[in-house]
Amino acid sequence: MVHVPFLAVKIVILVLGTSIAGLALLASRRNRDRLMLFLAIGFGLLTLGSFSEAFLYEILGWDFFTVHVIESGFSLAGLGAIALLLRPRSGPRLARETP
């Protein structure tokens, strides 16, 4: 049984997440910035997890618990990549502008 609202939301997430990951990848290549690469990987994994949940549940007929555990694993990996990007770093700090 196909759940149209469920699939519609997952398709929108697929399009938006792929767009964000693609833009971050382009920025990573243009600026040679590894942080943007981590952002692209993070959003790519989040998007892949969301899409895989819909695909495995609706198309292949897997049970919802198994599918949700798989999607949660992708979400964990994606958020982990984004957390690596956001962690504090040592090194030169930008000077604060004073009035």
C-alpha atoms as a PDB file:
ATOM      1  CA  MET A   1       0.000   0.000   0.000  1.00  0.00           C
ATOM      2  CA  VAL A   2       1.509   3.303  -1.098  1.00  0.00           C
ATOM      3  CA  HIS A   3       1.236   6.196   1.326  1.00  0.00           C
ATOM      4  CA  VAL A   4       1.171   9.260  -0.930  1.00  0.00           C
ATOM      5  CA  PRO A   5       1.870  11.967   1.702  1.00  0.00           C
ATOM      6  CA  PHE A   6       4.793   9.918   3.065  1.00  0.00           C
ATOM      7  CA  LEU A   7       6.303   9.563  -0.412  1.00  0.00           C
ATOM      8  CA  ALA A   8       5.650  13.203  -1.288  1.00  0.00           C
ATOM      9  CA  VAL A   9       7.533  14.438   1.774  1.00  0.00           C
ATOM     10  CA  LYS A  10      10.408  12.029   1.114  1.00  0.00           C
ATOM     11  CA  ILE A  11      10.676  13.221  -2.511  1.00  0.00           C
ATOM     12  CA  VAL A  12      10.824  16.851  -1.390  1.00  0.00           C
ATOM     13  CA  ILE A  13      13.528  15.914   1.145  1.00  0.00           C
ATOM     14  CA  LEU A  14      15.424  14.090  -1.608  1.00  0.00           C
ATOM     15  CA  VAL A  15      15.353  17.104  -3.935  1.00  0.00           C
ATOM     16  CA  LEU A  16      16.197  19.668  -1.257  1.00  0.00           C
ATOM     17  CA  GLY A  17      18.859  17.552   0.453  1.00  0.00           C
ATOM     18  CA  THR A  18      20.538  16.675  -2.838  1.00  0.00           C
ATOM     19  CA  SER A  19      20.530  20.351  -3.813  1.00  0.00           C
ATOM     20  CA  ILE A  20      22.137  21.415  -0.528  1.00  0.00           C
ATOM     21  CA  ALA A  21      24.711  18.618  -0.688  1.00  0.00           C
ATOM     22  CA  GLY A  22      25.519  19.494  -4.300  1.00  0.00           C
ATOM     23  CA  LEU A  23      25.943  23.189  -3.530  1.00  0.00           C
ATOM     24  CA  ALA A  24      28.198  22.369  -0.579  1.00  0.00           C
ATOM     25  CA  LEU A  25      30.267  20.047  -2.774  1.00  0.00           C
ATOM     26  CA  LEU A  26      30.652  22.734  -5.436  1.00  0.00           C
ATOM     27  CA  ALA A  27      31.690  25.247  -2.755  1.00  0.00           C
ATOM     28  CA  SER A  28      34.164  22.710  -1.389  1.00  0.00           C
ATOM     29  CA  ARG A  29      35.795  22.287  -4.774  1.00  0.00           C
ATOM     30  CA  ARG A  30      35.744  25.989  -5.623  1.00  0.00           C
ATOM     31  CA  ASN A  31      37.285  27.128  -2.320  1.00  0.00           C
ATOM     32  CA  ARG A  32      39.282  23.966  -1.568  1.00  0.00           C
ATOM     33  CA  ASP A  33      37.564  23.899   1.817  1.00  0.00           C
ATOM     34  CA  ARG A  34      37.347  20.567   3.621  1.00  0.00           C
ATOM     35  CA  LEU A  35      34.701  21.901   5.988  1.00  0.00           C
ATOM     36  CA  MET A  36      32.269  22.326   3.105  1.00  0.00           C
ATOM     37  CA  LEU A  37      33.094  18.764   2.065  1.00  0.00           C
ATOM     38  CA  PHE A  38      32.002  17.543   5.507  1.00  0.00           C
ATOM     39  CA  LEU A  39      28.804  19.566   5.109  1.00  0.00           C
ATOM     40  CA  ALA A  40      28.157  17.943   1.720  1.00  0.00           C
ATOM     41  CA  ILE A  41      28.782  14.478   3.153  1.00  0.00           C
ATOM     42  CA  GLY A  42      26.537  15.185   6.151  1.00  0.00           C
ATOM     43  CA  PHE A  43      23.596  16.396   4.093  1.00  0.00           C
ATOM     44  CA  GLY A  44      24.157  13.604   1.582  1.00  0.00           C
ATOM     45  CA  LEU A  45      23.937  10.967   4.307  1.00  0.00           C
ATOM     46  CA  LEU A  46      20.851  12.579   5.851  1.00  0.00           C
ATOM     47  CA  THR A  47      19.189  12.661   2.437  1.00  0.00           C
ATOM     48  CA  LEU A  48      20.201   9.105   1.597  1.00  0.00           C
ATOM     49  CA  GLY A  49      18.827   7.874   4.911  1.00  0.00           C
ATOM     50  CA  SER A  50      15.494   9.590   4.427  1.00  0.00           C
ATOM     51  CA  PHE A  51      15.136   8.325   0.863  1.00  0.00           C
ATOM     52  CA  SER A  52      16.224   4.797   1.795  1.00  0.00           C
ATOM     53  CA  GLU A  53      13.528   4.686   4.466  1.00  0.00           C
ATOM     54  CA  ALA A  54      10.815   5.445   1.910  1.00  0.00           C
ATOM     55  CA  PHE A  55      12.302   3.126  -0.711  1.00  0.00           C
ATOM     56  CA  LEU A  56      12.770   0.132   1.569  1.00  0.00           C
ATOM     57  CA  TYR A  57       9.370   0.535   3.237  1.00  0.00           C
ATOM     58  CA  GLU A  58       7.162   1.433   0.284  1.00  0.00           C
ATOM     59  CA  ILE A  59       8.865  -0.305  -2.638  1.00  0.00           C
ATOM     60  CA  LEU A  60      10.558  -3.350  -1.106  1.00  0.00           C
ATOM     61  CA  GLY A  61       8.005  -3.873   1.673  1.00  0.00           C
ATOM     62  CA  TRP A  62      10.421  -4.131   4.595  1.00  0.00           C
ATOM     63  CA  ASP A  63       8.973  -3.765   8.086  1.00  0.00           C
ATOM     64  CA  PHE A  64       8.885  -0.239   9.458  1.00  0.00           C
ATOM     65  CA  PHE A  65      11.083  -0.907  12.515  1.00  0.00           C
ATOM     66  CA  THR A  66      13.997  -2.268  10.450  1.00  0.00           C
ATOM     67  CA  VAL A  67      13.702   0.534   7.933  1.00  0.00           C
ATOM     68  CA  HIS A  68      13.612   3.156  10.652  1.00  0.00           C
ATOM     69  CA  VAL A  69      16.731   1.721  12.318  1.00  0.00           C
ATOM     70  CA  ILE A  70      18.569   1.929   8.970  1.00  0.00           C
ATOM     71  CA  GLU A  71      17.390   5.511   8.441  1.00  0.00           C
ATOM     72  CA  SER A  72      18.477   6.413  11.973  1.00  0.00           C
ATOM     73  CA  GLY A  73      21.956   5.026  11.249  1.00  0.00           C
ATOM     74  CA  PHE A  74      22.264   7.267   8.189  1.00  0.00           C
ATOM     75  CA  SER A  75      20.998  10.227  10.235  1.00  0.00           C
ATOM     76  CA  LEU A  76      23.566   9.513  12.943  1.00  0.00           C
ATOM     77  CA  ALA A  77      26.378   9.368  10.393  1.00  0.00           C
ATOM     78  CA  GLY A  78      25.207  12.545   8.655  1.00  0.00           C
ATOM     79  CA  LEU A  79      24.881  14.484  11.886  1.00  0.00           C
ATOM     80  CA  GLY A  80      28.287  13.167  12.940  1.00  0.00           C
ATOM     81  CA  ALA A  81      29.850  14.588   9.763  1.00  0.00           C
ATOM     82  CA  ILE A  82      28.183  17.944  10.411  1.00  0.00           C
ATOM     83  CA  ALA A  83      29.348  17.847  14.055  1.00  0.00           C
ATOM     84  CA  LEU A  84      32.940  17.336  12.841  1.00  0.00           C
ATOM     85  CA  LEU A  85      32.555  20.432  10.725  1.00  0.00           C
ATOM     86  CA  LEU A  86      31.247  22.500  13.644  1.00  0.00           C
ATOM     87  CA  ARG A  87      33.686  21.404  16.327  1.00  0.00           C
ATOM     88  CA  PRO A  88      35.990  24.088  17.751  1.00  0.00           C
ATOM     89  CA  ARG A  89      39.399  24.293  16.143  1.00  0.00           C
ATOM     90  CA  SER A  90      42.693  25.675  17.358  1.00  0.00           C
ATOM     91  CA  GLY A  91      44.595  28.089  15.188  1.00  0.00           C
ATOM     92  CA  PRO A  92      44.561  31.718  14.207  1.00  0.00           C
ATOM     93  CA  ARG A  93      41.483  33.554  15.347  1.00  0.00           C
ATOM     94  CA  LEU A  94      39.878  36.402  13.549  1.00  0.00           C
ATOM     95  CA  ALA A  95      40.407  39.752  15.215  1.00  0.00           C
ATOM     96  CA  ARG A  96      37.247  41.316  16.591  1.00  0.00           C
ATOM     97  CA  GLU A  97      36.304  44.604  15.099  1.00  0.00           C
ATOM     98  CA  THR A  98      36.066  47.330  17.700  1.00  0.00           C
ATOM     99  CA  PRO A  99      34.189  50.572  17.118  1.00  0.00           C
END
